[in-house]
Amino acid sequence: MSFGLVTVPISLHAATDSGPSVSFVRVHKADGGRVRNQPTCSLEETEVPTEEIGRGYVTGERIVPLTDDDLAQLPLPTAKTLTILAFMPTGDVDPLQIERGYYVAPNGPAANKPYVLLRDAMEDHGSVAIGKIALRSEETLALVRPMGDLLVLHSLRWPDQICPPPAWFPSGRSTSATTSSPRPRS
């Protein structure tokens, strides 16, 4: 984790568990037979074996094929570092942006003192840190906050990933109970 001229070696540990889950398959209502998705090439209209399926990026009407090597060569400046970009008051983060949680642990005895110093300073000032980090080969926003004796990192959704509320929500403010007319009795 780096901020300014300070670097603190850390490690991340999962703080949440997805828990038990139930998965469903698609079935034919008439006889209960399983309905499968058959991957089919749009040009040849033939079934494609799994080992021949790759990734592509759509640019207008064209698809650019990408290999794992192509993706590995993309520059990820935060590949090994949580870069703190800013500190802000705790209440300024929209809860809709918060995703997964991770415990942030100091990595080695030399990291303990700056880790504790950062944690205590954030707690004393009621602030959180906003930064960028690469998780699962994807650069993401991160929120770091103190929680008791440790720091916790939450991956955040980018602001453009938050959908606007649907149009059917009522707009405007409600009137207070003292100015509204009493409800008629039935």
N, C-alpha and C. Protein backbone atom coordinates (compact mmCIF):
# COMPACT_ATOMS: atom_id res chain seq x y z
N MET A 1 0.87 -1.15 0.00
CA MET A 1 0.00 0.00 0.00
C MET A 1 0.91 1.21 0.00
N SER A 2 0.64 2.14 -0.90
CA SER A 2 1.50 3.32 -0.94
C SER A 2 0.66 4.59 -0.96
N PHE A 3 1.14 5.58 -0.22
CA PHE A 3 0.53 6.90 -0.22
C PHE A 3 1.65 7.89 0.03
N GLY A 4 1.76 8.86 -0.88
CA GLY A 4 2.87 9.81 -0.79
C GLY A 4 4.18 9.08 -0.90
N LEU A 5 5.09 9.34 0.03
CA LEU A 5 6.39 8.68 0.04
C LEU A 5 6.41 7.45 0.94
N VAL A 6 5.27 7.08 1.48
CA VAL A 6 5.19 5.95 2.41
C VAL A 6 4.69 4.71 1.70
N THR A 7 5.37 3.59 1.93
CA THR A 7 4.94 2.30 1.42
C THR A 7 4.84 1.33 2.58
N VAL A 8 3.70 0.66 2.69
CA VAL A 8 3.47 -0.31 3.76
C VAL A 8 3.21 -1.66 3.10
N PRO A 9 4.09 -2.65 3.33
CA PRO A 9 3.82 -3.98 2.78
C PRO A 9 2.58 -4.59 3.45
N ILE A 10 1.63 -5.04 2.64
CA ILE A 10 0.38 -5.61 3.16
C ILE A 10 0.03 -6.90 2.44
N SER A 11 -0.90 -7.62 3.02
CA SER A 11 -1.52 -8.76 2.34
C SER A 11 -3.02 -8.65 2.56
N LEU A 12 -3.79 -9.17 1.61
CA LEU A 12 -5.25 -9.13 1.70
C LEU A 12 -5.78 -10.52 1.98
N HIS A 13 -6.83 -10.56 2.81
CA HIS A 13 -7.46 -11.82 3.18
C HIS A 13 -8.97 -11.64 3.07
N ALA A 14 -9.65 -12.59 2.46
CA ALA A 14 -11.10 -12.49 2.27
C ALA A 14 -11.79 -12.26 3.61
N ALA A 15 -12.71 -11.30 3.63
CA ALA A 15 -13.45 -10.99 4.85
C ALA A 15 -14.89 -11.49 4.77
N THR A 16 -15.30 -11.95 3.61
CA THR A 16 -16.67 -12.42 3.46
C THR A 16 -16.68 -13.78 2.78
N ASP A 17 -17.77 -14.48 2.97
CA ASP A 17 -17.96 -15.78 2.34
C ASP A 17 -19.30 -15.73 1.63
N SER A 18 -19.35 -16.19 0.41
CA SER A 18 -20.60 -16.12 -0.34
C SER A 18 -21.66 -17.04 0.25
N GLY A 19 -21.27 -17.96 1.13
CA GLY A 19 -22.23 -18.83 1.78
C GLY A 19 -22.79 -19.88 0.86
N PRO A 20 -23.71 -20.67 1.39
CA PRO A 20 -24.30 -21.72 0.55
C PRO A 20 -25.16 -21.08 -0.54
N SER A 21 -25.13 -21.70 -1.69
CA SER A 21 -25.93 -21.16 -2.79
C SER A 21 -26.67 -22.30 -3.48
N VAL A 22 -27.75 -21.94 -4.09
CA VAL A 22 -28.55 -22.89 -4.84
C VAL A 22 -28.41 -22.49 -6.30
N SER A 23 -28.11 -23.44 -7.14
CA SER A 23 -28.04 -23.12 -8.57
C SER A 23 -29.10 -23.93 -9.30
N PHE A 24 -29.61 -23.33 -10.33
CA PHE A 24 -30.67 -23.95 -11.10
C PHE A 24 -30.18 -24.23 -12.52
N VAL A 25 -30.81 -25.17 -13.17
CA VAL A 25 -30.56 -25.44 -14.58
C VAL A 25 -31.88 -25.22 -15.32
N ARG A 26 -31.78 -25.02 -16.61
CA ARG A 26 -33.00 -24.86 -17.41
C ARG A 26 -33.51 -26.24 -17.80
N VAL A 27 -34.83 -26.40 -17.74
CA VAL A 27 -35.44 -27.69 -18.07
C VAL A 27 -36.59 -27.50 -19.05
N HIS A 28 -36.86 -28.54 -19.79
CA HIS A 28 -38.00 -28.57 -20.70
C HIS A 28 -39.24 -28.85 -19.86
N LYS A 29 -40.21 -27.93 -19.85
CA LYS A 29 -41.38 -28.07 -18.99
C LYS A 29 -42.18 -29.34 -19.27
N ALA A 30 -42.21 -29.76 -20.52
CA ALA A 30 -43.04 -30.92 -20.91
C ALA A 30 -42.54 -32.23 -20.31
N ASP A 31 -41.21 -32.46 -20.32
CA ASP A 31 -40.72 -33.76 -19.87
C ASP A 31 -39.61 -33.69 -18.81
N GLY A 32 -39.22 -32.47 -18.39
CA GLY A 32 -38.19 -32.33 -17.36
C GLY A 32 -36.77 -32.52 -17.86
N GLY A 33 -36.59 -32.68 -19.17
CA GLY A 33 -35.25 -32.84 -19.73
C GLY A 33 -34.46 -31.53 -19.63
N ARG A 34 -33.17 -31.65 -19.43
CA ARG A 34 -32.32 -30.46 -19.28
C ARG A 34 -32.14 -29.77 -20.63
N VAL A 35 -32.23 -28.45 -20.62
CA VAL A 35 -32.02 -27.63 -21.81
C VAL A 35 -30.63 -27.03 -21.69
N ARG A 36 -29.78 -27.26 -22.67
CA ARG A 36 -28.40 -26.79 -22.62
C ARG A 36 -28.16 -25.68 -23.63
N ASN A 37 -27.13 -24.88 -23.37
CA ASN A 37 -26.69 -23.87 -24.32
C ASN A 37 -25.57 -24.48 -25.15
N GLN A 38 -25.76 -24.55 -26.43
CA GLN A 38 -24.74 -25.09 -27.32
C GLN A 38 -23.99 -23.92 -27.95
N PRO A 39 -22.68 -23.75 -27.66
CA PRO A 39 -21.94 -22.65 -28.28
C PRO A 39 -21.82 -22.88 -29.79
N THR A 40 -22.30 -21.92 -30.55
CA THR A 40 -22.33 -22.05 -31.99
C THR A 40 -21.64 -20.85 -32.63
N CYS A 41 -20.81 -21.08 -33.64
CA CYS A 41 -20.14 -20.02 -34.37
C CYS A 41 -21.16 -19.31 -35.26
N SER A 42 -21.21 -17.96 -35.16
CA SER A 42 -22.19 -17.20 -35.94
C SER A 42 -21.88 -17.20 -37.44
N LEU A 43 -20.62 -17.47 -37.83
CA LEU A 43 -20.25 -17.46 -39.24
C LEU A 43 -20.46 -18.82 -39.90
N GLU A 44 -20.04 -19.89 -39.20
CA GLU A 44 -20.13 -21.23 -39.76
C GLU A 44 -21.39 -21.97 -39.35
N GLU A 45 -22.09 -21.46 -38.34
CA GLU A 45 -23.27 -22.10 -37.78
C GLU A 45 -23.00 -23.56 -37.40
N THR A 46 -21.83 -23.77 -36.78
CA THR A 46 -21.46 -25.09 -36.29
C THR A 46 -21.16 -24.98 -34.80
N GLU A 47 -21.31 -26.11 -34.09
CA GLU A 47 -21.00 -26.11 -32.66
C GLU A 47 -19.49 -25.98 -32.47
N VAL A 48 -19.08 -25.19 -31.48
CA VAL A 48 -17.66 -24.92 -31.23
C VAL A 48 -17.26 -25.60 -29.92
N PRO A 49 -16.21 -26.44 -29.94
CA PRO A 49 -15.75 -27.08 -28.70
C PRO A 49 -15.19 -26.02 -27.74
N THR A 50 -15.30 -26.28 -26.45
CA THR A 50 -14.87 -25.34 -25.41
C THR A 50 -13.44 -24.89 -25.59
N GLU A 51 -12.53 -25.80 -25.96
CA GLU A 51 -11.11 -25.44 -26.09
C GLU A 51 -10.85 -24.48 -27.25
N GLU A 52 -11.83 -24.31 -28.15
CA GLU A 52 -11.66 -23.38 -29.27
C GLU A 52 -12.35 -22.03 -29.04
N ILE A 53 -12.88 -21.84 -27.83
CA ILE A 53 -13.58 -20.58 -27.52
C ILE A 53 -12.60 -19.63 -26.84
N GLY A 54 -12.50 -18.42 -27.37
CA GLY A 54 -11.61 -17.40 -26.81
C GLY A 54 -12.40 -16.15 -26.48
N ARG A 55 -11.67 -15.04 -26.32
CA ARG A 55 -12.29 -13.76 -26.01
C ARG A 55 -12.13 -12.81 -27.18
N GLY A 56 -13.02 -11.86 -27.26
CA GLY A 56 -12.92 -10.82 -28.28
C GLY A 56 -13.52 -9.53 -27.76
N TYR A 57 -13.06 -8.42 -28.31
CA TYR A 57 -13.55 -7.10 -27.94
C TYR A 57 -14.31 -6.53 -29.13
N VAL A 58 -15.55 -6.10 -28.89
CA VAL A 58 -16.39 -5.58 -29.97
C VAL A 58 -16.11 -4.10 -30.16
N THR A 59 -15.73 -3.73 -31.39
CA THR A 59 -15.50 -2.32 -31.74
C THR A 59 -16.41 -1.99 -32.92
N GLY A 60 -17.58 -1.49 -32.61
CA GLY A 60 -18.54 -1.20 -33.68
C GLY A 60 -19.05 -2.49 -34.30
N GLU A 61 -18.74 -2.69 -35.58
CA GLU A 61 -19.20 -3.90 -36.28
C GLU A 61 -18.14 -4.99 -36.31
N ARG A 62 -16.97 -4.73 -35.77
CA ARG A 62 -15.85 -5.66 -35.83
C ARG A 62 -15.56 -6.26 -34.46
N ILE A 63 -15.08 -7.51 -34.43
CA ILE A 63 -14.66 -8.15 -33.19
C ILE A 63 -13.15 -8.39 -33.29
N VAL A 64 -12.42 -7.89 -32.31
CA VAL A 64 -10.97 -8.07 -32.27
C VAL A 64 -10.68 -9.21 -31.31
N PRO A 65 -10.13 -10.35 -31.81
CA PRO A 65 -9.81 -11.48 -30.93
C PRO A 65 -8.65 -11.12 -29.99
N LEU A 66 -8.75 -11.54 -28.74
CA LEU A 66 -7.70 -11.31 -27.75
C LEU A 66 -7.29 -12.63 -27.13
N THR A 67 -5.99 -12.81 -26.92
CA THR A 67 -5.48 -14.02 -26.28
C THR A 67 -5.14 -13.71 -24.83
N ASP A 68 -4.87 -14.75 -24.05
CA ASP A 68 -4.43 -14.56 -22.67
C ASP A 68 -3.12 -13.78 -22.63
N ASP A 69 -2.24 -14.02 -23.60
CA ASP A 69 -0.97 -13.28 -23.67
C ASP A 69 -1.22 -11.80 -23.93
N ASP A 70 -2.18 -11.48 -24.80
CA ASP A 70 -2.52 -10.07 -25.06
C ASP A 70 -2.96 -9.39 -23.77
N LEU A 71 -3.82 -10.07 -23.01
CA LEU A 71 -4.33 -9.49 -21.78
C LEU A 71 -3.24 -9.38 -20.71
N ALA A 72 -2.32 -10.34 -20.67
CA ALA A 72 -1.23 -10.30 -19.69
C ALA A 72 -0.28 -9.14 -19.95
N GLN A 73 -0.19 -8.71 -21.21
CA GLN A 73 0.73 -7.62 -21.56
C GLN A 73 0.13 -6.23 -21.33
N LEU A 74 -1.17 -6.17 -21.01
CA LEU A 74 -1.77 -4.87 -20.74
C LEU A 74 -1.14 -4.27 -19.49
N PRO A 75 -0.83 -2.98 -19.52
CA PRO A 75 -0.22 -2.39 -18.33
C PRO A 75 -1.25 -2.19 -17.23
N LEU A 76 -0.97 -2.74 -16.07
CA LEU A 76 -1.79 -2.53 -14.89
C LEU A 76 -0.89 -1.88 -13.84
N PRO A 77 -0.91 -0.56 -13.73
CA PRO A 77 -0.01 0.11 -12.80
C PRO A 77 -0.23 -0.30 -11.35
N THR A 78 -1.40 -0.83 -11.03
CA THR A 78 -1.68 -1.21 -9.65
C THR A 78 -1.57 -2.72 -9.44
N ALA A 79 -0.83 -3.41 -10.31
CA ALA A 79 -0.77 -4.87 -10.25
C ALA A 79 -0.28 -5.39 -8.91
N LYS A 80 0.67 -4.74 -8.29
CA LYS A 80 1.20 -5.23 -7.02
C LYS A 80 1.06 -4.20 -5.90
N THR A 81 0.35 -3.10 -6.17
CA THR A 81 0.30 -2.01 -5.20
C THR A 81 -1.11 -1.47 -5.06
N LEU A 82 -1.51 -1.24 -3.82
CA LEU A 82 -2.72 -0.48 -3.53
C LEU A 82 -2.27 0.97 -3.44
N THR A 83 -2.64 1.77 -4.42
CA THR A 83 -2.23 3.17 -4.46
C THR A 83 -3.33 4.02 -3.87
N ILE A 84 -3.04 4.67 -2.74
CA ILE A 84 -4.01 5.56 -2.11
C ILE A 84 -4.00 6.88 -2.87
N LEU A 85 -5.17 7.30 -3.32
CA LEU A 85 -5.30 8.53 -4.10
C LEU A 85 -5.75 9.71 -3.25
N ALA A 86 -6.60 9.45 -2.25
CA ALA A 86 -7.14 10.54 -1.44
C ALA A 86 -7.71 10.01 -0.14
N PHE A 87 -7.84 10.91 0.81
CA PHE A 87 -8.51 10.61 2.07
C PHE A 87 -9.76 11.48 2.11
N MET A 88 -10.85 10.93 2.65
CA MET A 88 -12.09 11.68 2.69
C MET A 88 -12.89 11.30 3.94
N PRO A 89 -13.86 12.14 4.33
CA PRO A 89 -14.68 11.79 5.49
C PRO A 89 -15.43 10.47 5.26
N THR A 90 -15.59 9.71 6.34
CA THR A 90 -16.20 8.39 6.26
C THR A 90 -17.56 8.39 5.58
N GLY A 91 -18.41 9.36 5.86
CA GLY A 91 -19.76 9.37 5.33
C GLY A 91 -19.89 9.80 3.88
N ASP A 92 -18.80 10.15 3.21
CA ASP A 92 -18.88 10.65 1.84
C ASP A 92 -18.91 9.55 0.78
N VAL A 93 -18.84 8.30 1.16
CA VAL A 93 -18.84 7.21 0.18
C VAL A 93 -20.26 6.67 0.05
N ASP A 94 -20.74 6.57 -1.19
CA ASP A 94 -22.07 6.05 -1.47
C ASP A 94 -22.07 4.54 -1.21
N PRO A 95 -22.89 4.05 -0.29
CA PRO A 95 -22.91 2.61 0.00
C PRO A 95 -23.23 1.74 -1.22
N LEU A 96 -23.89 2.30 -2.25
CA LEU A 96 -24.16 1.52 -3.46
C LEU A 96 -22.88 1.10 -4.17
N GLN A 97 -21.79 1.81 -3.93
CA GLN A 97 -20.53 1.49 -4.60
C GLN A 97 -19.78 0.32 -3.95
N ILE A 98 -20.08 0.00 -2.70
CA ILE A 98 -19.30 -0.98 -1.95
C ILE A 98 -19.57 -2.40 -2.43
N GLU A 99 -18.49 -3.15 -2.68
CA GLU A 99 -18.61 -4.56 -3.10
C GLU A 99 -17.99 -5.46 -2.04
N ARG A 100 -17.00 -6.26 -2.42
CA ARG A 100 -16.39 -7.26 -1.54
C ARG A 100 -15.51 -6.63 -0.47
N GLY A 101 -15.34 -7.36 0.63
CA GLY A 101 -14.50 -6.90 1.73
C GLY A 101 -13.29 -7.79 1.93
N TYR A 102 -12.18 -7.17 2.31
CA TYR A 102 -10.93 -7.90 2.58
C TYR A 102 -10.30 -7.33 3.84
N TYR A 103 -9.72 -8.20 4.66
CA TYR A 103 -8.92 -7.73 5.78
C TYR A 103 -7.55 -7.37 5.23
N VAL A 104 -7.03 -6.22 5.66
CA VAL A 104 -5.70 -5.77 5.25
C VAL A 104 -4.76 -6.05 6.41
N ALA A 105 -3.76 -6.89 6.18
CA ALA A 105 -2.81 -7.24 7.24
C ALA A 105 -1.43 -6.69 6.90
N PRO A 106 -0.71 -6.20 7.92
CA PRO A 106 0.67 -5.78 7.66
C PRO A 106 1.48 -7.02 7.29
N ASN A 107 2.36 -6.88 6.33
CA ASN A 107 3.14 -8.01 5.84
C ASN A 107 4.57 -7.90 6.37
N GLY A 108 4.81 -8.51 7.51
CA GLY A 108 6.14 -8.49 8.12
C GLY A 108 6.22 -7.49 9.27
N PRO A 109 7.16 -7.70 10.19
CA PRO A 109 7.28 -6.85 11.38
C PRO A 109 7.59 -5.39 11.05
N ALA A 110 8.31 -5.12 9.98
CA ALA A 110 8.65 -3.74 9.62
C ALA A 110 7.41 -2.95 9.20
N ALA A 111 6.34 -3.64 8.82
CA ALA A 111 5.12 -2.95 8.38
C ALA A 111 4.20 -2.59 9.54
N ASN A 112 4.42 -3.18 10.70
CA ASN A 112 3.51 -2.96 11.83
C ASN A 112 3.37 -1.50 12.23
N LYS A 113 4.48 -0.80 12.40
CA LYS A 113 4.44 0.58 12.89
C LYS A 113 3.72 1.52 11.91
N PRO A 114 4.08 1.55 10.60
CA PRO A 114 3.35 2.44 9.69
C PRO A 114 1.88 2.03 9.52
N TYR A 115 1.59 0.74 9.60
CA TYR A 115 0.21 0.24 9.51
C TYR A 115 -0.62 0.81 10.65
N VAL A 116 -0.13 0.67 11.88
CA VAL A 116 -0.84 1.16 13.06
C VAL A 116 -0.97 2.68 13.01
N LEU A 117 0.08 3.36 12.58
CA LEU A 117 0.06 4.82 12.47
C LEU A 117 -1.03 5.27 11.49
N LEU A 118 -1.11 4.63 10.34
CA LEU A 118 -2.13 4.96 9.34
C LEU A 118 -3.52 4.67 9.88
N ARG A 119 -3.70 3.49 10.45
CA ARG A 119 -5.01 3.11 11.00
C ARG A 119 -5.47 4.11 12.06
N ASP A 120 -4.59 4.46 12.99
CA ASP A 120 -4.94 5.38 14.06
C ASP A 120 -5.24 6.78 13.53
N ALA A 121 -4.46 7.25 12.57
CA ALA A 121 -4.69 8.58 11.99
C ALA A 121 -6.05 8.64 11.29
N MET A 122 -6.39 7.58 10.55
CA MET A 122 -7.68 7.55 9.87
C MET A 122 -8.81 7.53 10.88
N GLU A 123 -8.65 6.76 11.94
CA GLU A 123 -9.69 6.68 12.97
C GLU A 123 -9.84 8.01 13.70
N ASP A 124 -8.73 8.66 14.06
CA ASP A 124 -8.77 9.94 14.76
C ASP A 124 -9.43 11.03 13.93
N HIS A 125 -9.24 11.01 12.62
CA HIS A 125 -9.79 12.03 11.74
C HIS A 125 -11.14 11.64 11.14
N GLY A 126 -11.63 10.45 11.45
CA GLY A 126 -12.91 10.00 10.88
C GLY A 126 -12.87 9.93 9.37
N SER A 127 -11.75 9.43 8.84
CA SER A 127 -11.61 9.40 7.39
C SER A 127 -11.37 7.99 6.87
N VAL A 128 -11.57 7.85 5.57
CA VAL A 128 -11.28 6.61 4.86
C VAL A 128 -10.35 6.97 3.71
N ALA A 129 -9.68 5.97 3.18
CA ALA A 129 -8.78 6.18 2.04
C ALA A 129 -9.44 5.62 0.79
N ILE A 130 -9.29 6.33 -0.31
CA ILE A 130 -9.77 5.87 -1.61
C ILE A 130 -8.54 5.63 -2.47
N GLY A 131 -8.48 4.48 -3.12
CA GLY A 131 -7.33 4.16 -3.95
C GLY A 131 -7.70 3.26 -5.10
N LYS A 132 -6.66 2.78 -5.78
CA LYS A 132 -6.83 1.84 -6.90
C LYS A 132 -5.96 0.62 -6.63
N ILE A 133 -6.48 -0.53 -7.03
CA ILE A 133 -5.75 -1.78 -6.87
C ILE A 133 -6.21 -2.75 -7.96
N ALA A 134 -5.34 -3.66 -8.34
CA ALA A 134 -5.72 -4.69 -9.30
C ALA A 134 -6.15 -5.93 -8.52
N LEU A 135 -7.40 -6.32 -8.69
CA LEU A 135 -7.93 -7.54 -8.09
C LEU A 135 -8.45 -8.42 -9.21
N ARG A 136 -8.04 -9.67 -9.21
CA ARG A 136 -8.44 -10.61 -10.26
C ARG A 136 -8.17 -10.04 -11.64
N SER A 137 -6.97 -9.49 -11.83
CA SER A 137 -6.50 -8.94 -13.11
C SER A 137 -7.33 -7.78 -13.63
N GLU A 138 -8.01 -7.08 -12.75
CA GLU A 138 -8.82 -5.94 -13.16
C GLU A 138 -8.58 -4.80 -12.19
N GLU A 139 -8.27 -3.62 -12.72
CA GLU A 139 -8.06 -2.47 -11.86
C GLU A 139 -9.41 -1.98 -11.33
N THR A 140 -9.45 -1.74 -10.03
CA THR A 140 -10.70 -1.33 -9.41
C THR A 140 -10.44 -0.25 -8.37
N LEU A 141 -11.49 0.50 -8.06
CA LEU A 141 -11.42 1.45 -6.96
C LEU A 141 -11.48 0.67 -5.66
N ALA A 142 -10.89 1.23 -4.62
CA ALA A 142 -10.89 0.57 -3.32
C ALA A 142 -11.09 1.61 -2.23
N LEU A 143 -11.77 1.19 -1.18
CA LEU A 143 -11.95 2.00 0.00
C LEU A 143 -11.24 1.27 1.13
N VAL A 144 -10.41 1.97 1.88
CA VAL A 144 -9.73 1.38 3.04
C VAL A 144 -10.23 2.14 4.26
N ARG A 145 -10.69 1.38 5.26
CA ARG A 145 -11.21 2.02 6.47
C ARG A 145 -10.72 1.28 7.70
N PRO A 146 -10.60 2.02 8.82
CA PRO A 146 -10.22 1.34 10.06
C PRO A 146 -11.42 0.59 10.62
N MET A 147 -11.15 -0.56 11.22
CA MET A 147 -12.19 -1.35 11.89
C MET A 147 -11.53 -1.99 13.10
N GLY A 148 -11.69 -1.38 14.26
CA GLY A 148 -11.04 -1.89 15.46
C GLY A 148 -9.53 -1.80 15.32
N ASP A 149 -8.85 -2.93 15.48
CA ASP A 149 -7.38 -2.96 15.41
C ASP A 149 -6.84 -3.16 14.01
N LEU A 150 -7.70 -3.23 13.02
CA LEU A 150 -7.20 -3.52 11.68
C LEU A 150 -7.79 -2.59 10.64
N LEU A 151 -7.29 -2.72 9.45
CA LEU A 151 -7.82 -2.00 8.29
C LEU A 151 -8.60 -2.98 7.43
N VAL A 152 -9.65 -2.49 6.82
CA VAL A 152 -10.47 -3.30 5.93
C VAL A 152 -10.50 -2.61 4.58
N LEU A 153 -10.37 -3.39 3.52
CA LEU A 153 -10.45 -2.87 2.15
C LEU A 153 -11.76 -3.36 1.55
N HIS A 154 -12.47 -2.45 0.89
CA HIS A 154 -13.67 -2.82 0.13
C HIS A 154 -13.42 -2.46 -1.32
N SER A 155 -13.66 -3.40 -2.21
CA SER A 155 -13.62 -3.03 -3.63
C SER A 155 -14.87 -2.19 -3.89
N LEU A 156 -14.74 -1.22 -4.78
CA LEU A 156 -15.83 -0.31 -5.08
C LEU A 156 -16.21 -0.39 -6.55
N ARG A 157 -17.47 -0.18 -6.81
CA ARG A 157 -17.91 -0.04 -8.20
C ARG A 157 -17.51 1.36 -8.67
N TRP A 158 -17.20 1.50 -9.95
CA TRP A 158 -16.91 2.80 -10.52
C TRP A 158 -18.22 3.58 -10.57
N PRO A 159 -18.17 4.90 -10.47
CA PRO A 159 -19.42 5.69 -10.48
C PRO A 159 -20.33 5.40 -11.67
N ASP A 160 -19.77 5.10 -12.84
CA ASP A 160 -20.62 4.84 -14.01
C ASP A 160 -21.29 3.47 -13.94
N GLN A 161 -20.97 2.66 -12.92
CA GLN A 161 -21.63 1.37 -12.76
C GLN A 161 -22.86 1.46 -11.86
N ILE A 162 -23.14 2.63 -11.32
CA ILE A 162 -24.32 2.83 -10.49
C ILE A 162 -25.44 3.32 -11.40
N CYS A 163 -26.53 2.58 -11.45
CA CYS A 163 -27.66 2.92 -12.31
C CYS A 163 -28.49 4.03 -11.68
N PRO A 164 -29.04 4.91 -12.52
CA PRO A 164 -29.94 5.93 -11.97
C PRO A 164 -31.23 5.26 -11.50
N PRO A 165 -31.92 5.87 -10.53
CA PRO A 165 -33.17 5.25 -10.08
C PRO A 165 -34.19 5.23 -11.22
N PRO A 166 -35.07 4.25 -11.23
CA PRO A 166 -36.09 4.17 -12.28
C PRO A 166 -36.99 5.40 -12.28
N ALA A 167 -37.58 5.70 -13.42
CA ALA A 167 -38.43 6.88 -13.58
C ALA A 167 -39.70 6.80 -12.75
N TRP A 168 -40.13 5.61 -12.36
CA TRP A 168 -41.39 5.48 -11.63
C TRP A 168 -41.30 5.86 -10.18
N PHE A 169 -40.07 6.18 -9.65
CA PHE A 169 -39.96 6.64 -8.27
C PHE A 169 -40.56 8.03 -8.16
N PRO A 170 -41.29 8.31 -7.07
CA PRO A 170 -41.87 9.65 -6.91
C PRO A 170 -40.77 10.69 -6.75
N SER A 171 -40.99 11.86 -7.28
CA SER A 171 -39.99 12.92 -7.15
C SER A 171 -40.50 13.96 -6.16
N GLY A 172 -39.60 14.80 -5.72
CA GLY A 172 -39.97 15.86 -4.79
C GLY A 172 -39.94 15.38 -3.35
N ARG A 173 -40.16 16.30 -2.45
CA ARG A 173 -40.15 16.00 -1.02
C ARG A 173 -41.58 15.82 -0.51
N SER A 174 -41.73 14.98 0.48
CA SER A 174 -43.05 14.82 1.08
C SER A 174 -43.29 16.00 2.02
N THR A 175 -44.57 16.29 2.27
CA THR A 175 -44.89 17.35 3.21
C THR A 175 -44.87 16.77 4.60
N SER A 176 -44.63 17.60 5.59
CA SER A 176 -44.55 17.10 6.97
C SER A 176 -45.94 16.76 7.47
N ALA A 177 -46.01 16.00 8.53
CA ALA A 177 -47.28 15.55 9.09
C ALA A 177 -48.11 16.71 9.62
N THR A 178 -47.46 17.79 10.06
CA THR A 178 -48.21 18.91 10.62
C THR A 178 -48.91 19.72 9.54
N THR A 179 -48.40 19.71 8.33
CA THR A 179 -49.02 20.51 7.28
C THR A 179 -49.95 19.68 6.39
N SER A 180 -49.94 18.37 6.55
CA SER A 180 -50.80 17.56 5.70
C SER A 180 -52.19 17.48 6.32
N SER A 181 -53.17 17.30 5.48
CA SER A 181 -54.54 17.19 5.99
C SER A 181 -54.74 15.83 6.64
N PRO A 182 -55.61 15.77 7.66
CA PRO A 182 -55.82 14.49 8.32
C PRO A 182 -56.44 13.48 7.36
N ARG A 183 -56.17 12.24 7.64
CA ARG A 183 -56.68 11.15 6.83
C ARG A 183 -58.16 10.93 7.13
N PRO A 184 -58.99 10.86 6.11
CA PRO A 184 -60.43 10.62 6.39
C PRO A 184 -60.64 9.23 6.96
N ARG A 185 -61.56 9.12 7.89
CA ARG A 185 -61.89 7.82 8.48
C ARG A 185 -62.84 7.07 7.56
N SER A 186 -62.65 5.76 7.51
CA SER A 186 -63.57 4.98 6.68
C SER A 186 -64.65 4.38 7.50
